[in-house]
């Protein structure tokens, strides 16, 4: 994450002021650990040590997901990108058919009409 990206994201993330327990330490490294884990798909326990304790990264991710922080961040970033003309709202649509259930092909068919 670039310094500019972090400056923007840091404004949108909550601080630990007023919360019980330890103050958040090195939030940038923790968030980068979350992003690394989401990008790679590896288990939390296999997170590289340079991101800090895996449990810290997991707890913060869980907190942000549970209290709606990530939803608010996504909405704010999308609104900023849209206001700046950096967001393209074109959505590609195709006519691909996907079966809902693996046994859907063997279901009894009835004709209506």
C-alpha atoms as a PDB file:
ATOM      1  CA  UNK A   1       0.000   0.000   0.000  1.00  0.00           C
ATOM      2  CA  UNK A   2       1.403   3.373  -0.937  1.00  0.00           C
ATOM      3  CA  UNK A   3       1.746   6.217   1.553  1.00  0.00           C
ATOM      4  CA  UNK A   4      -0.985   8.156  -0.244  1.00  0.00           C
ATOM      5  CA  UNK A   5      -3.370   5.180  -0.101  1.00  0.00           C
ATOM      6  CA  UNK A   6      -2.644   4.700   3.597  1.00  0.00           C
ATOM      7  CA  UNK A   7      -3.237   8.381   4.395  1.00  0.00           C
ATOM      8  CA  UNK A   8      -6.688   8.143   2.859  1.00  0.00           C
ATOM      9  CA  UNK A   9      -7.527   4.818   4.494  1.00  0.00           C
ATOM     10  CA  UNK A  10      -6.257   5.933   7.913  1.00  0.00           C
ATOM     11  CA  UNK A  11      -8.803   8.767   7.892  1.00  0.00           C
ATOM     12  CA  UNK A  12     -11.618   6.258   7.400  1.00  0.00           C
ATOM     13  CA  UNK A  13     -10.567   3.706  10.024  1.00  0.00           C
ATOM     14  CA  UNK A  14     -11.619   4.028  13.679  1.00  0.00           C
ATOM     15  CA  UNK A  15      -9.064   4.748  16.358  1.00  0.00           C
ATOM     16  CA  UNK A  16      -8.742   2.855  19.607  1.00  0.00           C
ATOM     17  CA  UNK A  17      -9.405   5.987  21.676  1.00  0.00           C
ATOM     18  CA  UNK A  18     -12.136   5.333  24.200  1.00  0.00           C
ATOM     19  CA  UNK A  19     -11.924   1.548  23.811  1.00  0.00           C
ATOM     20  CA  UNK A  20     -10.963  -0.799  26.614  1.00  0.00           C
ATOM     21  CA  UNK A  21      -7.695  -2.666  26.348  1.00  0.00           C
ATOM     22  CA  UNK A  22      -4.496  -1.805  24.559  1.00  0.00           C
ATOM     23  CA  UNK A  23      -4.297   1.011  22.068  1.00  0.00           C
ATOM     24  CA  UNK A  24      -4.020  -0.017  18.417  1.00  0.00           C
ATOM     25  CA  UNK A  25      -0.374  -0.306  17.487  1.00  0.00           C
ATOM     26  CA  UNK A  26       0.857   0.090  13.914  1.00  0.00           C
ATOM     27  CA  UNK A  27      -2.527  -0.031  12.231  1.00  0.00           C
ATOM     28  CA  UNK A  28      -0.956   0.222   8.781  1.00  0.00           C
ATOM     29  CA  UNK A  29       0.961  -3.013   9.244  1.00  0.00           C
ATOM     30  CA  UNK A  30      -2.139  -4.775  10.559  1.00  0.00           C
ATOM     31  CA  UNK A  31      -4.247  -3.599   7.605  1.00  0.00           C
ATOM     32  CA  UNK A  32      -1.504  -4.634   5.183  1.00  0.00           C
ATOM     33  CA  UNK A  33      -1.545  -8.049   6.871  1.00  0.00           C
ATOM     34  CA  UNK A  34      -5.299  -8.268   6.272  1.00  0.00           C
ATOM     35  CA  UNK A  35      -4.892  -7.329   2.622  1.00  0.00           C
ATOM     36  CA  UNK A  36      -2.046  -9.816   2.174  1.00  0.00           C
ATOM     37  CA  UNK A  37      -4.146 -12.608   3.661  1.00  0.00           C
ATOM     38  CA  UNK A  38      -7.155 -11.730   1.483  1.00  0.00           C
ATOM     39  CA  UNK A  39      -4.974 -11.548  -1.642  1.00  0.00           C
ATOM     40  CA  UNK A  40      -3.223 -14.863  -1.037  1.00  0.00           C
ATOM     41  CA  UNK A  41      -6.019 -16.843   0.624  1.00  0.00           C
ATOM     42  CA  UNK A  42      -3.681 -18.381   3.163  1.00  0.00           C
ATOM     43  CA  UNK A  43      -4.873 -19.345   6.644  1.00  0.00           C
ATOM     44  CA  UNK A  44      -4.581 -16.641   9.310  1.00  0.00           C
ATOM     45  CA  UNK A  45      -2.034 -18.711  11.253  1.00  0.00           C
ATOM     46  CA  UNK A  46       0.271 -18.770   8.218  1.00  0.00           C
ATOM     47  CA  UNK A  47       0.449 -14.976   7.955  1.00  0.00           C
ATOM     48  CA  UNK A  48       4.118 -13.901   7.668  1.00  0.00           C
ATOM     49  CA  UNK A  49       5.563 -12.745  10.983  1.00  0.00           C
ATOM     50  CA  UNK A  50       6.527  -9.290   9.711  1.00  0.00           C
ATOM     51  CA  UNK A  51       2.820  -8.315   9.854  1.00  0.00           C
ATOM     52  CA  UNK A  52       2.838  -8.928  13.590  1.00  0.00           C
ATOM     53  CA  UNK A  53       1.017 -11.633  15.517  1.00  0.00           C
ATOM     54  CA  UNK A  54      -1.535 -13.330  13.287  1.00  0.00           C
ATOM     55  CA  UNK A  55      -4.109 -13.221  16.070  1.00  0.00           C
ATOM     56  CA  UNK A  56      -3.867  -9.415  16.260  1.00  0.00           C
ATOM     57  CA  UNK A  57      -4.501  -9.108  12.524  1.00  0.00           C
ATOM     58  CA  UNK A  58      -7.370 -11.594  12.723  1.00  0.00           C
ATOM     59  CA  UNK A  59      -8.998  -9.860  15.710  1.00  0.00           C
ATOM     60  CA  UNK A  60      -8.846  -6.441  14.073  1.00  0.00           C
ATOM     61  CA  UNK A  61     -10.261  -7.846  10.817  1.00  0.00           C
ATOM     62  CA  UNK A  62     -13.045  -9.538  12.747  1.00  0.00           C
ATOM     63  CA  UNK A  63     -13.799  -6.333  14.655  1.00  0.00           C
ATOM     64  CA  UNK A  64     -13.897  -4.206  11.488  1.00  0.00           C
ATOM     65  CA  UNK A  65     -16.086  -6.745   9.676  1.00  0.00           C
ATOM     66  CA  UNK A  66     -18.446  -7.114  12.640  1.00  0.00           C
ATOM     67  CA  UNK A  67     -18.954  -3.442  13.453  1.00  0.00           C
ATOM     68  CA  UNK A  68     -19.441  -2.369   9.823  1.00  0.00           C
ATOM     69  CA  UNK A  69     -16.118  -0.540   9.453  1.00  0.00           C
ATOM     70  CA  UNK A  70     -15.235  -2.254   6.175  1.00  0.00           C
ATOM     71  CA  UNK A  71     -18.700  -1.489   4.783  1.00  0.00           C
ATOM     72  CA  UNK A  72     -18.324   2.203   5.670  1.00  0.00           C
ATOM     73  CA  UNK A  73     -14.802   2.313   4.199  1.00  0.00           C
ATOM     74  CA  UNK A  74     -15.958   0.723   0.937  1.00  0.00           C
ATOM     75  CA  UNK A  75     -18.900   3.121   0.629  1.00  0.00           C
ATOM     76  CA  UNK A  76     -16.700   6.146   1.348  1.00  0.00           C
ATOM     77  CA  UNK A  77     -14.005   5.060  -1.126  1.00  0.00           C
ATOM     78  CA  UNK A  78     -16.598   4.360  -3.829  1.00  0.00           C
ATOM     79  CA  UNK A  79     -18.214   7.762  -3.244  1.00  0.00           C
ATOM     80  CA  UNK A  80     -14.830   9.518  -3.480  1.00  0.00           C
ATOM     81  CA  UNK A  81     -13.913   7.631  -6.645  1.00  0.00           C
ATOM     82  CA  UNK A  82     -17.300   8.391  -8.197  1.00  0.00           C
ATOM     83  CA  UNK A  83     -17.056  12.085  -7.308  1.00  0.00           C
ATOM     84  CA  UNK A  84     -13.586  12.218  -8.849  1.00  0.00           C
ATOM     85  CA  UNK A  85     -14.761  10.503 -12.030  1.00  0.00           C
ATOM     86  CA  UNK A  86     -12.515   7.508 -11.347  1.00  0.00           C
ATOM     87  CA  UNK A  87     -15.319   4.960 -11.104  1.00  0.00           C
ATOM     88  CA  UNK A  88     -16.874   3.387 -14.175  1.00  0.00           C
ATOM     89  CA  UNK A  89     -20.366   2.131 -13.450  1.00  0.00           C
ATOM     90  CA  UNK A  90     -20.607   0.023 -16.620  1.00  0.00           C
ATOM     91  CA  UNK A  91     -21.473  -3.528 -15.616  1.00  0.00           C
ATOM     92  CA  UNK A  92     -20.832  -6.344 -18.080  1.00  0.00           C
ATOM     93  CA  UNK A  93     -23.721  -8.795 -18.338  1.00  0.00           C
ATOM     94  CA  UNK A  94     -23.807 -12.070 -20.217  1.00  0.00           C
ATOM     95  CA  UNK A  95     -26.330 -14.849 -20.639  1.00  0.00           C
ATOM     96  CA  UNK A  96     -24.379 -17.594 -18.927  1.00  0.00           C
ATOM     97  CA  UNK A  97     -26.551 -20.267 -17.330  1.00  0.00           C
ATOM     98  CA  UNK A  98     -25.406 -21.756 -14.043  1.00  0.00           C
ATOM     99  CA  UNK A  99     -27.169 -24.693 -12.426  1.00  0.00           C
ATOM    100  CA  UNK A 100     -28.251 -24.044  -8.883  1.00  0.00           C
ATOM    101  CA  UNK A 101     -27.778 -27.634  -7.726  1.00  0.00           C
ATOM    102  CA  UNK A 102     -25.709 -30.496  -9.052  1.00  0.00           C
ATOM    103  CA  UNK A 103     -28.804 -32.708  -9.340  1.00  0.00           C
ATOM    104  CA  UNK A 104     -30.845 -30.057 -11.167  1.00  0.00           C
ATOM    105  CA  UNK A 105     -30.352 -31.856 -14.485  1.00  0.00           C
ATOM    106  CA  UNK A 106     -32.279 -34.897 -13.194  1.00  0.00           C
ATOM    107  CA  UNK A 107     -35.227 -33.011 -11.732  1.00  0.00           C
ATOM    108  CA  UNK A 108     -38.673 -33.857 -13.001  1.00  0.00           C
ATOM    109  CA  UNK A 109     -39.807 -31.325 -15.552  1.00  0.00           C
ATOM    110  CA  UNK A 110     -43.347 -30.164 -15.930  1.00  0.00           C
ATOM    111  CA  UNK A 111     -44.670 -28.116 -18.759  1.00  0.00           C
ATOM    112  CA  UNK A 112     -46.773 -25.142 -17.904  1.00  0.00           C
ATOM    113  CA  UNK A 113     -48.913 -23.541 -20.459  1.00  0.00           C
END
